[in-house]
Every structure is written in C-alpha cells, then in structure tokens.
Amino acid sequence: MKAIRRGTELAVRLNNVLEALDPVLTILASRGIKVFARSMLTDRRGCSLLLLTDDHQRARSVLETAGYICERNDVLWARYDNYHPGVVALLCQDLSQMKINLQRVYVSTLAGQGCVVVLLTSDNTAALQTITHNKLQHAA
C-alpha cells in the first residue's frame, strides 16, 4: 500500500443495471475522466454504480447533465501494486479493534496495475489514523 487517502466516491443511481453500466463509463471516458475503482451496490432504493474517479466534481457534473442522479460519499482508499489475499481482512481487523464500523468495502482491480481498496467507515478520520499508525508499525 502506497498510502491511504481520503476520497469522494460517487454513487450513480441506475434504473436498468445491465444496460446502464457501459453508458456511464463511456460518458466519463469521453470526457477524459479516469475511473480508479468501481463496484455495484443494491439497496432498498435500487441499484447504484459506485465510482472513485480522478475528478469527482467534474464526473458528477457530467453525469448529472446526462440525466443521472449522483450522490457523494466520503471514503478512504488505497492503491496496492502487489495486492495479496488477506489485505482486506487485516484492514478490517485493525478497524474492529478500534471499534470502527466498516459500512462498505470493495476491491477493484486495475489491469496489470494492482488494485484499489475502497472503505466507507463509521468514522473515516479515526480509521485513517488507525490504518496509518498500524502501517507504520508493520513497516518498522
């Protein structure tokens, strides 16, 4: 893990999951907006495409202009060049020990470039401090 960072995830509401994924990603790509991580979420309100981009404000503006409803969530994210099984388990264990609830986690692979882990917690500030502290301890 290079560093864990704060970020903004966009939750793009979709009506038809199977047909909506490609148009959303095509719109962003046509505007030069890079998507670092993506996942799908289904809840009682329907389905959302979760996106971590290089410019969440521009991505939101472009998508809302195209008629999509977007919500933003403050998240933590980290890029792993050499992702290995158990990384998410270690992050969850660290947060659990500090009594920080994990509301959502997903891993998005990058073709030949490792992966990105995205976390939404009950207290992102405390989670950031915990993960950073434990990373430094493990490196020593």
N, C-alpha and C. Protein backbone atom coordinates (compact mmCIF):
# COMPACT_ATOMS: atom_id res chain seq x y z
N MET A 1 0.86 -1.18 0.00
CA MET A 1 0.00 0.00 0.00
C MET A 1 0.90 1.23 0.00
N LYS A 2 0.69 2.09 -0.96
CA LYS A 2 1.48 3.32 -1.01
C LYS A 2 1.06 4.26 0.12
N ALA A 3 -0.20 4.57 0.19
CA ALA A 3 -0.75 5.43 1.26
C ALA A 3 -2.25 5.31 1.23
N ILE A 4 -2.85 5.48 2.38
CA ILE A 4 -4.31 5.51 2.42
C ILE A 4 -4.71 6.97 2.38
N ARG A 5 -5.75 7.25 1.62
CA ARG A 5 -6.15 8.64 1.38
C ARG A 5 -7.65 8.81 1.56
N ARG A 6 -8.02 10.03 1.79
CA ARG A 6 -9.43 10.39 1.75
C ARG A 6 -9.80 10.60 0.29
N GLY A 7 -11.04 10.29 -0.03
CA GLY A 7 -11.52 10.50 -1.38
C GLY A 7 -13.02 10.67 -1.38
N THR A 8 -13.56 10.90 -2.55
CA THR A 8 -15.01 11.04 -2.70
C THR A 8 -15.48 10.02 -3.73
N GLU A 9 -16.39 9.19 -3.28
CA GLU A 9 -16.99 8.17 -4.14
C GLU A 9 -18.31 8.73 -4.66
N LEU A 10 -18.59 8.47 -5.92
CA LEU A 10 -19.90 8.82 -6.47
C LEU A 10 -20.76 7.58 -6.52
N ALA A 11 -21.98 7.69 -6.05
CA ALA A 11 -22.97 6.62 -6.17
C ALA A 11 -23.96 7.08 -7.23
N VAL A 12 -23.89 6.46 -8.40
CA VAL A 12 -24.73 6.83 -9.53
C VAL A 12 -25.93 5.90 -9.58
N ARG A 13 -27.12 6.44 -9.39
CA ARG A 13 -28.35 5.63 -9.39
C ARG A 13 -28.64 5.15 -10.82
N LEU A 14 -28.93 3.85 -10.91
CA LEU A 14 -29.21 3.24 -12.21
C LEU A 14 -30.60 2.63 -12.22
N ASN A 15 -31.29 2.78 -13.33
CA ASN A 15 -32.62 2.17 -13.47
C ASN A 15 -32.49 0.72 -13.93
N ASN A 16 -31.70 0.51 -14.95
CA ASN A 16 -31.53 -0.82 -15.52
C ASN A 16 -30.05 -1.16 -15.46
N VAL A 17 -29.68 -2.00 -14.54
CA VAL A 17 -28.27 -2.30 -14.27
C VAL A 17 -27.54 -2.81 -15.51
N LEU A 18 -28.14 -3.74 -16.21
CA LEU A 18 -27.44 -4.37 -17.32
C LEU A 18 -27.14 -3.40 -18.46
N GLU A 19 -28.02 -2.44 -18.67
CA GLU A 19 -27.82 -1.53 -19.78
C GLU A 19 -27.15 -0.22 -19.39
N ALA A 20 -27.05 0.09 -18.10
CA ALA A 20 -26.59 1.40 -17.69
C ALA A 20 -25.09 1.49 -17.42
N LEU A 21 -24.45 0.40 -17.11
CA LEU A 21 -23.03 0.44 -16.76
C LEU A 21 -22.17 0.99 -17.89
N ASP A 22 -22.31 0.45 -19.08
CA ASP A 22 -21.50 0.87 -20.21
C ASP A 22 -21.68 2.35 -20.56
N PRO A 23 -22.92 2.85 -20.65
CA PRO A 23 -23.08 4.28 -20.97
C PRO A 23 -22.43 5.21 -19.96
N VAL A 24 -22.53 4.89 -18.67
CA VAL A 24 -21.92 5.75 -17.64
C VAL A 24 -20.41 5.79 -17.83
N LEU A 25 -19.79 4.63 -17.98
CA LEU A 25 -18.34 4.59 -18.14
C LEU A 25 -17.90 5.22 -19.46
N THR A 26 -18.70 5.07 -20.50
CA THR A 26 -18.39 5.68 -21.80
C THR A 26 -18.44 7.20 -21.70
N ILE A 27 -19.45 7.73 -21.01
CA ILE A 27 -19.56 9.19 -20.83
C ILE A 27 -18.31 9.73 -20.13
N LEU A 28 -17.90 9.07 -19.05
CA LEU A 28 -16.73 9.53 -18.30
C LEU A 28 -15.47 9.44 -19.15
N ALA A 29 -15.29 8.33 -19.86
CA ALA A 29 -14.10 8.15 -20.70
C ALA A 29 -14.04 9.20 -21.81
N SER A 30 -15.19 9.53 -22.37
CA SER A 30 -15.21 10.52 -23.46
C SER A 30 -14.83 11.91 -22.98
N ARG A 31 -14.94 12.15 -21.69
CA ARG A 31 -14.55 13.44 -21.11
C ARG A 31 -13.15 13.38 -20.48
N GLY A 32 -12.48 12.24 -20.63
CA GLY A 32 -11.13 12.11 -20.09
C GLY A 32 -11.08 11.92 -18.59
N ILE A 33 -12.18 11.47 -17.99
CA ILE A 33 -12.23 11.25 -16.54
C ILE A 33 -11.85 9.80 -16.28
N LYS A 34 -10.82 9.60 -15.48
CA LYS A 34 -10.33 8.26 -15.18
C LYS A 34 -11.09 7.67 -14.00
N VAL A 35 -11.44 6.40 -14.12
CA VAL A 35 -12.11 5.66 -13.05
C VAL A 35 -11.09 4.72 -12.44
N PHE A 36 -10.80 4.92 -11.14
CA PHE A 36 -9.82 4.09 -10.44
C PHE A 36 -10.45 2.85 -9.83
N ALA A 37 -11.71 2.96 -9.42
CA ALA A 37 -12.39 1.83 -8.80
C ALA A 37 -13.87 1.94 -9.10
N ARG A 38 -14.50 0.75 -9.21
CA ARG A 38 -15.95 0.73 -9.43
C ARG A 38 -16.51 -0.54 -8.83
N SER A 39 -17.76 -0.42 -8.42
CA SER A 39 -18.48 -1.55 -7.85
C SER A 39 -19.96 -1.28 -7.98
N MET A 40 -20.76 -2.30 -7.79
CA MET A 40 -22.21 -2.16 -7.83
C MET A 40 -22.76 -2.37 -6.43
N LEU A 41 -23.82 -1.65 -6.11
CA LEU A 41 -24.48 -1.77 -4.82
C LEU A 41 -25.98 -1.80 -5.04
N THR A 42 -26.63 -2.76 -4.42
CA THR A 42 -28.08 -2.82 -4.46
C THR A 42 -28.60 -2.63 -3.04
N ASP A 43 -29.53 -1.70 -2.88
CA ASP A 43 -30.15 -1.47 -1.57
C ASP A 43 -31.65 -1.30 -1.78
N ARG A 44 -32.35 -0.90 -0.73
CA ARG A 44 -33.82 -0.80 -0.84
C ARG A 44 -34.28 0.26 -1.82
N ARG A 45 -33.39 1.17 -2.20
CA ARG A 45 -33.76 2.21 -3.16
C ARG A 45 -33.44 1.83 -4.60
N GLY A 46 -32.78 0.69 -4.78
CA GLY A 46 -32.44 0.27 -6.14
C GLY A 46 -30.96 -0.04 -6.26
N CYS A 47 -30.41 0.22 -7.43
CA CYS A 47 -29.03 -0.13 -7.71
C CYS A 47 -28.21 1.13 -7.96
N SER A 48 -26.96 1.09 -7.50
CA SER A 48 -26.03 2.21 -7.73
C SER A 48 -24.71 1.67 -8.25
N LEU A 49 -24.11 2.44 -9.12
CA LEU A 49 -22.75 2.19 -9.57
C LEU A 49 -21.86 3.08 -8.71
N LEU A 50 -20.94 2.47 -7.97
CA LEU A 50 -20.03 3.21 -7.09
C LEU A 50 -18.75 3.49 -7.86
N LEU A 51 -18.33 4.73 -7.89
CA LEU A 51 -17.17 5.13 -8.68
C LEU A 51 -16.19 5.97 -7.87
N LEU A 52 -14.93 5.67 -8.02
CA LEU A 52 -13.86 6.51 -7.49
C LEU A 52 -13.10 7.01 -8.72
N THR A 53 -13.14 8.31 -8.94
CA THR A 53 -12.55 8.89 -10.15
C THR A 53 -11.43 9.88 -9.81
N ASP A 54 -10.74 10.33 -10.84
CA ASP A 54 -9.68 11.31 -10.62
C ASP A 54 -10.22 12.72 -10.44
N ASP A 55 -11.51 12.94 -10.71
CA ASP A 55 -12.13 14.26 -10.55
C ASP A 55 -13.63 14.07 -10.28
N HIS A 56 -13.97 13.86 -9.00
CA HIS A 56 -15.37 13.55 -8.67
C HIS A 56 -16.33 14.70 -8.98
N GLN A 57 -15.88 15.95 -8.86
CA GLN A 57 -16.77 17.07 -9.13
C GLN A 57 -17.13 17.15 -10.61
N ARG A 58 -16.14 17.00 -11.45
CA ARG A 58 -16.39 17.03 -12.89
C ARG A 58 -17.21 15.81 -13.32
N ALA A 59 -16.88 14.64 -12.75
CA ALA A 59 -17.63 13.42 -13.07
C ALA A 59 -19.10 13.59 -12.70
N ARG A 60 -19.34 14.13 -11.53
CA ARG A 60 -20.73 14.34 -11.09
C ARG A 60 -21.46 15.30 -12.02
N SER A 61 -20.81 16.39 -12.37
CA SER A 61 -21.42 17.38 -13.25
C SER A 61 -21.76 16.77 -14.61
N VAL A 62 -20.83 16.05 -15.18
CA VAL A 62 -21.04 15.43 -16.49
C VAL A 62 -22.19 14.42 -16.43
N LEU A 63 -22.21 13.60 -15.40
CA LEU A 63 -23.25 12.57 -15.29
C LEU A 63 -24.63 13.18 -15.00
N GLU A 64 -24.67 14.21 -14.15
CA GLU A 64 -25.96 14.84 -13.87
C GLU A 64 -26.50 15.56 -15.10
N THR A 65 -25.61 16.15 -15.90
CA THR A 65 -26.02 16.78 -17.15
C THR A 65 -26.62 15.73 -18.09
N ALA A 66 -26.11 14.51 -18.02
CA ALA A 66 -26.62 13.41 -18.86
C ALA A 66 -27.89 12.78 -18.27
N GLY A 67 -28.36 13.29 -17.12
CA GLY A 67 -29.61 12.82 -16.55
C GLY A 67 -29.50 11.82 -15.42
N TYR A 68 -28.29 11.52 -14.97
CA TYR A 68 -28.12 10.58 -13.87
C TYR A 68 -28.21 11.30 -12.52
N ILE A 69 -28.68 10.58 -11.52
CA ILE A 69 -28.71 11.10 -10.15
C ILE A 69 -27.47 10.57 -9.44
N CYS A 70 -26.69 11.49 -8.88
CA CYS A 70 -25.44 11.11 -8.22
C CYS A 70 -25.45 11.57 -6.76
N GLU A 71 -24.97 10.70 -5.89
CA GLU A 71 -24.75 11.06 -4.50
C GLU A 71 -23.25 10.93 -4.25
N ARG A 72 -22.75 11.67 -3.29
CA ARG A 72 -21.33 11.56 -2.98
C ARG A 72 -21.14 11.04 -1.57
N ASN A 73 -20.10 10.22 -1.42
CA ASN A 73 -19.76 9.66 -0.12
C ASN A 73 -18.28 9.88 0.15
N ASP A 74 -17.97 10.31 1.35
CA ASP A 74 -16.57 10.42 1.74
C ASP A 74 -16.06 9.03 2.08
N VAL A 75 -14.96 8.64 1.47
CA VAL A 75 -14.40 7.30 1.66
C VAL A 75 -12.90 7.40 1.89
N LEU A 76 -12.32 6.26 2.24
CA LEU A 76 -10.87 6.11 2.29
C LEU A 76 -10.51 5.13 1.18
N TRP A 77 -9.33 5.32 0.58
CA TRP A 77 -8.92 4.39 -0.46
C TRP A 77 -7.41 4.25 -0.46
N ALA A 78 -6.97 3.11 -0.94
CA ALA A 78 -5.53 2.84 -1.03
C ALA A 78 -5.28 2.02 -2.28
N ARG A 79 -4.15 2.29 -2.91
CA ARG A 79 -3.75 1.51 -4.08
C ARG A 79 -2.67 0.53 -3.67
N TYR A 80 -2.83 -0.69 -4.10
CA TYR A 80 -1.87 -1.75 -3.83
C TYR A 80 -1.27 -2.21 -5.16
N ASP A 81 0.04 -2.09 -5.30
CA ASP A 81 0.69 -2.57 -6.51
C ASP A 81 0.79 -4.09 -6.50
N ASN A 82 0.98 -4.65 -5.30
CA ASN A 82 1.12 -6.10 -5.15
C ASN A 82 0.06 -6.60 -4.17
N TYR A 83 -1.18 -6.56 -4.59
CA TYR A 83 -2.28 -7.00 -3.74
C TYR A 83 -2.16 -8.50 -3.47
N HIS A 84 -2.44 -8.89 -2.26
CA HIS A 84 -2.43 -10.31 -1.92
C HIS A 84 -3.61 -10.63 -1.02
N PRO A 85 -4.09 -11.88 -1.05
CA PRO A 85 -5.21 -12.26 -0.19
C PRO A 85 -4.91 -11.94 1.27
N GLY A 86 -5.90 -11.46 1.96
CA GLY A 86 -5.74 -11.15 3.38
C GLY A 86 -5.58 -9.67 3.68
N VAL A 87 -5.32 -8.84 2.68
CA VAL A 87 -5.13 -7.41 2.90
C VAL A 87 -6.40 -6.79 3.49
N VAL A 88 -7.55 -7.10 2.91
CA VAL A 88 -8.80 -6.54 3.40
C VAL A 88 -9.09 -7.06 4.81
N ALA A 89 -8.79 -8.32 5.06
CA ALA A 89 -9.01 -8.90 6.39
C ALA A 89 -8.18 -8.16 7.44
N LEU A 90 -6.94 -7.83 7.11
CA LEU A 90 -6.09 -7.09 8.06
C LEU A 90 -6.64 -5.69 8.32
N LEU A 91 -7.10 -5.02 7.27
CA LEU A 91 -7.69 -3.69 7.44
C LEU A 91 -8.93 -3.78 8.34
N CYS A 92 -9.77 -4.76 8.09
CA CYS A 92 -10.99 -4.94 8.89
C CYS A 92 -10.66 -5.26 10.35
N GLN A 93 -9.65 -6.08 10.55
CA GLN A 93 -9.24 -6.44 11.92
C GLN A 93 -8.76 -5.20 12.66
N ASP A 94 -7.93 -4.38 12.02
CA ASP A 94 -7.44 -3.16 12.65
C ASP A 94 -8.60 -2.24 13.05
N LEU A 95 -9.57 -2.08 12.14
CA LEU A 95 -10.70 -1.19 12.41
C LEU A 95 -11.60 -1.77 13.50
N SER A 96 -11.79 -3.06 13.49
CA SER A 96 -12.61 -3.72 14.51
C SER A 96 -12.02 -3.54 15.90
N GLN A 97 -10.73 -3.66 16.01
CA GLN A 97 -10.07 -3.49 17.31
C GLN A 97 -10.27 -2.08 17.86
N MET A 98 -10.41 -1.12 16.98
CA MET A 98 -10.63 0.26 17.41
C MET A 98 -12.13 0.61 17.48
N LYS A 99 -12.98 -0.40 17.30
CA LYS A 99 -14.44 -0.24 17.36
C LYS A 99 -14.97 0.73 16.29
N ILE A 100 -14.35 0.66 15.13
CA ILE A 100 -14.78 1.47 13.98
C ILE A 100 -15.55 0.55 13.05
N ASN A 101 -16.82 0.87 12.82
CA ASN A 101 -17.66 0.03 11.97
C ASN A 101 -17.30 0.23 10.50
N LEU A 102 -17.22 -0.87 9.80
CA LEU A 102 -16.98 -0.86 8.37
C LEU A 102 -18.33 -0.96 7.68
N GLN A 103 -18.72 0.09 6.97
CA GLN A 103 -20.03 0.11 6.33
C GLN A 103 -19.99 -0.49 4.93
N ARG A 104 -18.83 -0.33 4.26
CA ARG A 104 -18.70 -0.89 2.92
C ARG A 104 -17.23 -0.99 2.58
N VAL A 105 -16.87 -2.06 1.89
CA VAL A 105 -15.52 -2.22 1.38
C VAL A 105 -15.60 -2.92 0.03
N TYR A 106 -14.80 -2.48 -0.91
CA TYR A 106 -14.70 -3.20 -2.17
C TYR A 106 -13.30 -3.05 -2.74
N VAL A 107 -12.94 -4.03 -3.53
CA VAL A 107 -11.63 -4.06 -4.16
C VAL A 107 -11.87 -4.04 -5.67
N SER A 108 -11.20 -3.14 -6.35
CA SER A 108 -11.33 -3.04 -7.79
C SER A 108 -9.95 -3.22 -8.40
N THR A 109 -9.81 -4.22 -9.25
CA THR A 109 -8.51 -4.48 -9.86
C THR A 109 -8.27 -3.57 -11.04
N LEU A 110 -7.02 -3.25 -11.26
CA LEU A 110 -6.59 -2.42 -12.38
C LEU A 110 -5.75 -3.31 -13.29
N ALA A 111 -6.13 -3.45 -14.51
CA ALA A 111 -5.46 -4.37 -15.44
C ALA A 111 -3.93 -4.23 -15.37
N GLY A 112 -3.31 -5.23 -14.77
CA GLY A 112 -1.86 -5.26 -14.69
C GLY A 112 -1.23 -4.22 -13.79
N GLN A 113 -2.06 -3.50 -13.00
CA GLN A 113 -1.54 -2.41 -12.18
C GLN A 113 -1.94 -2.55 -10.71
N GLY A 114 -2.17 -3.76 -10.24
CA GLY A 114 -2.56 -3.93 -8.84
C GLY A 114 -4.04 -3.69 -8.65
N CYS A 115 -4.39 -3.07 -7.53
CA CYS A 115 -5.80 -2.85 -7.25
C CYS A 115 -5.98 -1.64 -6.35
N VAL A 116 -7.24 -1.25 -6.20
CA VAL A 116 -7.63 -0.17 -5.30
C VAL A 116 -8.63 -0.75 -4.31
N VAL A 117 -8.41 -0.48 -3.01
CA VAL A 117 -9.33 -0.87 -1.95
C VAL A 117 -10.04 0.39 -1.49
N VAL A 118 -11.38 0.34 -1.46
CA VAL A 118 -12.19 1.49 -1.04
C VAL A 118 -12.94 1.11 0.23
N LEU A 119 -12.90 2.00 1.23
CA LEU A 119 -13.54 1.77 2.53
C LEU A 119 -14.48 2.92 2.87
N LEU A 120 -15.65 2.58 3.35
CA LEU A 120 -16.57 3.55 3.94
C LEU A 120 -16.78 3.09 5.38
N THR A 121 -16.41 3.93 6.33
CA THR A 121 -16.48 3.54 7.74
C THR A 121 -17.40 4.47 8.52
N SER A 122 -17.64 4.11 9.77
CA SER A 122 -18.45 4.96 10.63
C SER A 122 -17.68 6.20 11.08
N ASP A 123 -16.36 6.17 10.99
CA ASP A 123 -15.52 7.30 11.39
C ASP A 123 -14.24 7.28 10.55
N ASN A 124 -14.30 7.94 9.39
CA ASN A 124 -13.17 7.91 8.47
C ASN A 124 -11.91 8.56 9.04
N THR A 125 -12.06 9.56 9.89
CA THR A 125 -10.89 10.21 10.49
C THR A 125 -10.15 9.23 11.39
N ALA A 126 -10.88 8.57 12.27
CA ALA A 126 -10.26 7.59 13.17
C ALA A 126 -9.72 6.40 12.38
N ALA A 127 -10.44 5.98 11.35
CA ALA A 127 -9.97 4.86 10.52
C ALA A 127 -8.67 5.21 9.82
N LEU A 128 -8.58 6.41 9.30
CA LEU A 128 -7.35 6.85 8.63
C LEU A 128 -6.18 6.84 9.60
N GLN A 129 -6.39 7.35 10.80
CA GLN A 129 -5.33 7.36 11.82
C GLN A 129 -4.92 5.94 12.21
N THR A 130 -5.90 5.06 12.39
CA THR A 130 -5.63 3.68 12.79
C THR A 130 -4.83 2.94 11.73
N ILE A 131 -5.27 3.03 10.49
CA ILE A 131 -4.61 2.31 9.40
C ILE A 131 -3.20 2.86 9.18
N THR A 132 -3.05 4.20 9.22
CA THR A 132 -1.73 4.81 9.04
C THR A 132 -0.80 4.39 10.17
N HIS A 133 -1.27 4.42 11.41
CA HIS A 133 -0.45 4.03 12.57
C HIS A 133 -0.01 2.56 12.44
N ASN A 134 -0.96 1.69 12.12
CA ASN A 134 -0.64 0.26 12.03
C ASN A 134 0.28 -0.03 10.85
N LYS A 135 0.14 0.72 9.76
CA LYS A 135 1.04 0.55 8.61
C LYS A 135 2.47 0.89 9.03
N LEU A 136 2.63 1.96 9.78
CA LEU A 136 3.96 2.36 10.24
C LEU A 136 4.53 1.32 11.20
N GLN A 137 3.70 0.76 12.06
CA GLN A 137 4.17 -0.27 12.99
C GLN A 137 4.61 -1.52 12.25
N HIS A 138 3.85 -1.91 11.23
CA HIS A 138 4.20 -3.12 10.49
C HIS A 138 5.47 -2.91 9.65
N ALA A 139 5.73 -1.68 9.25
CA ALA A 139 6.93 -1.40 8.45
C ALA A 139 8.19 -1.37 9.29
N ALA A 140 8.04 -1.11 10.62
CA ALA A 140 9.22 -0.98 11.50
C ALA A 140 9.84 -2.33 11.82
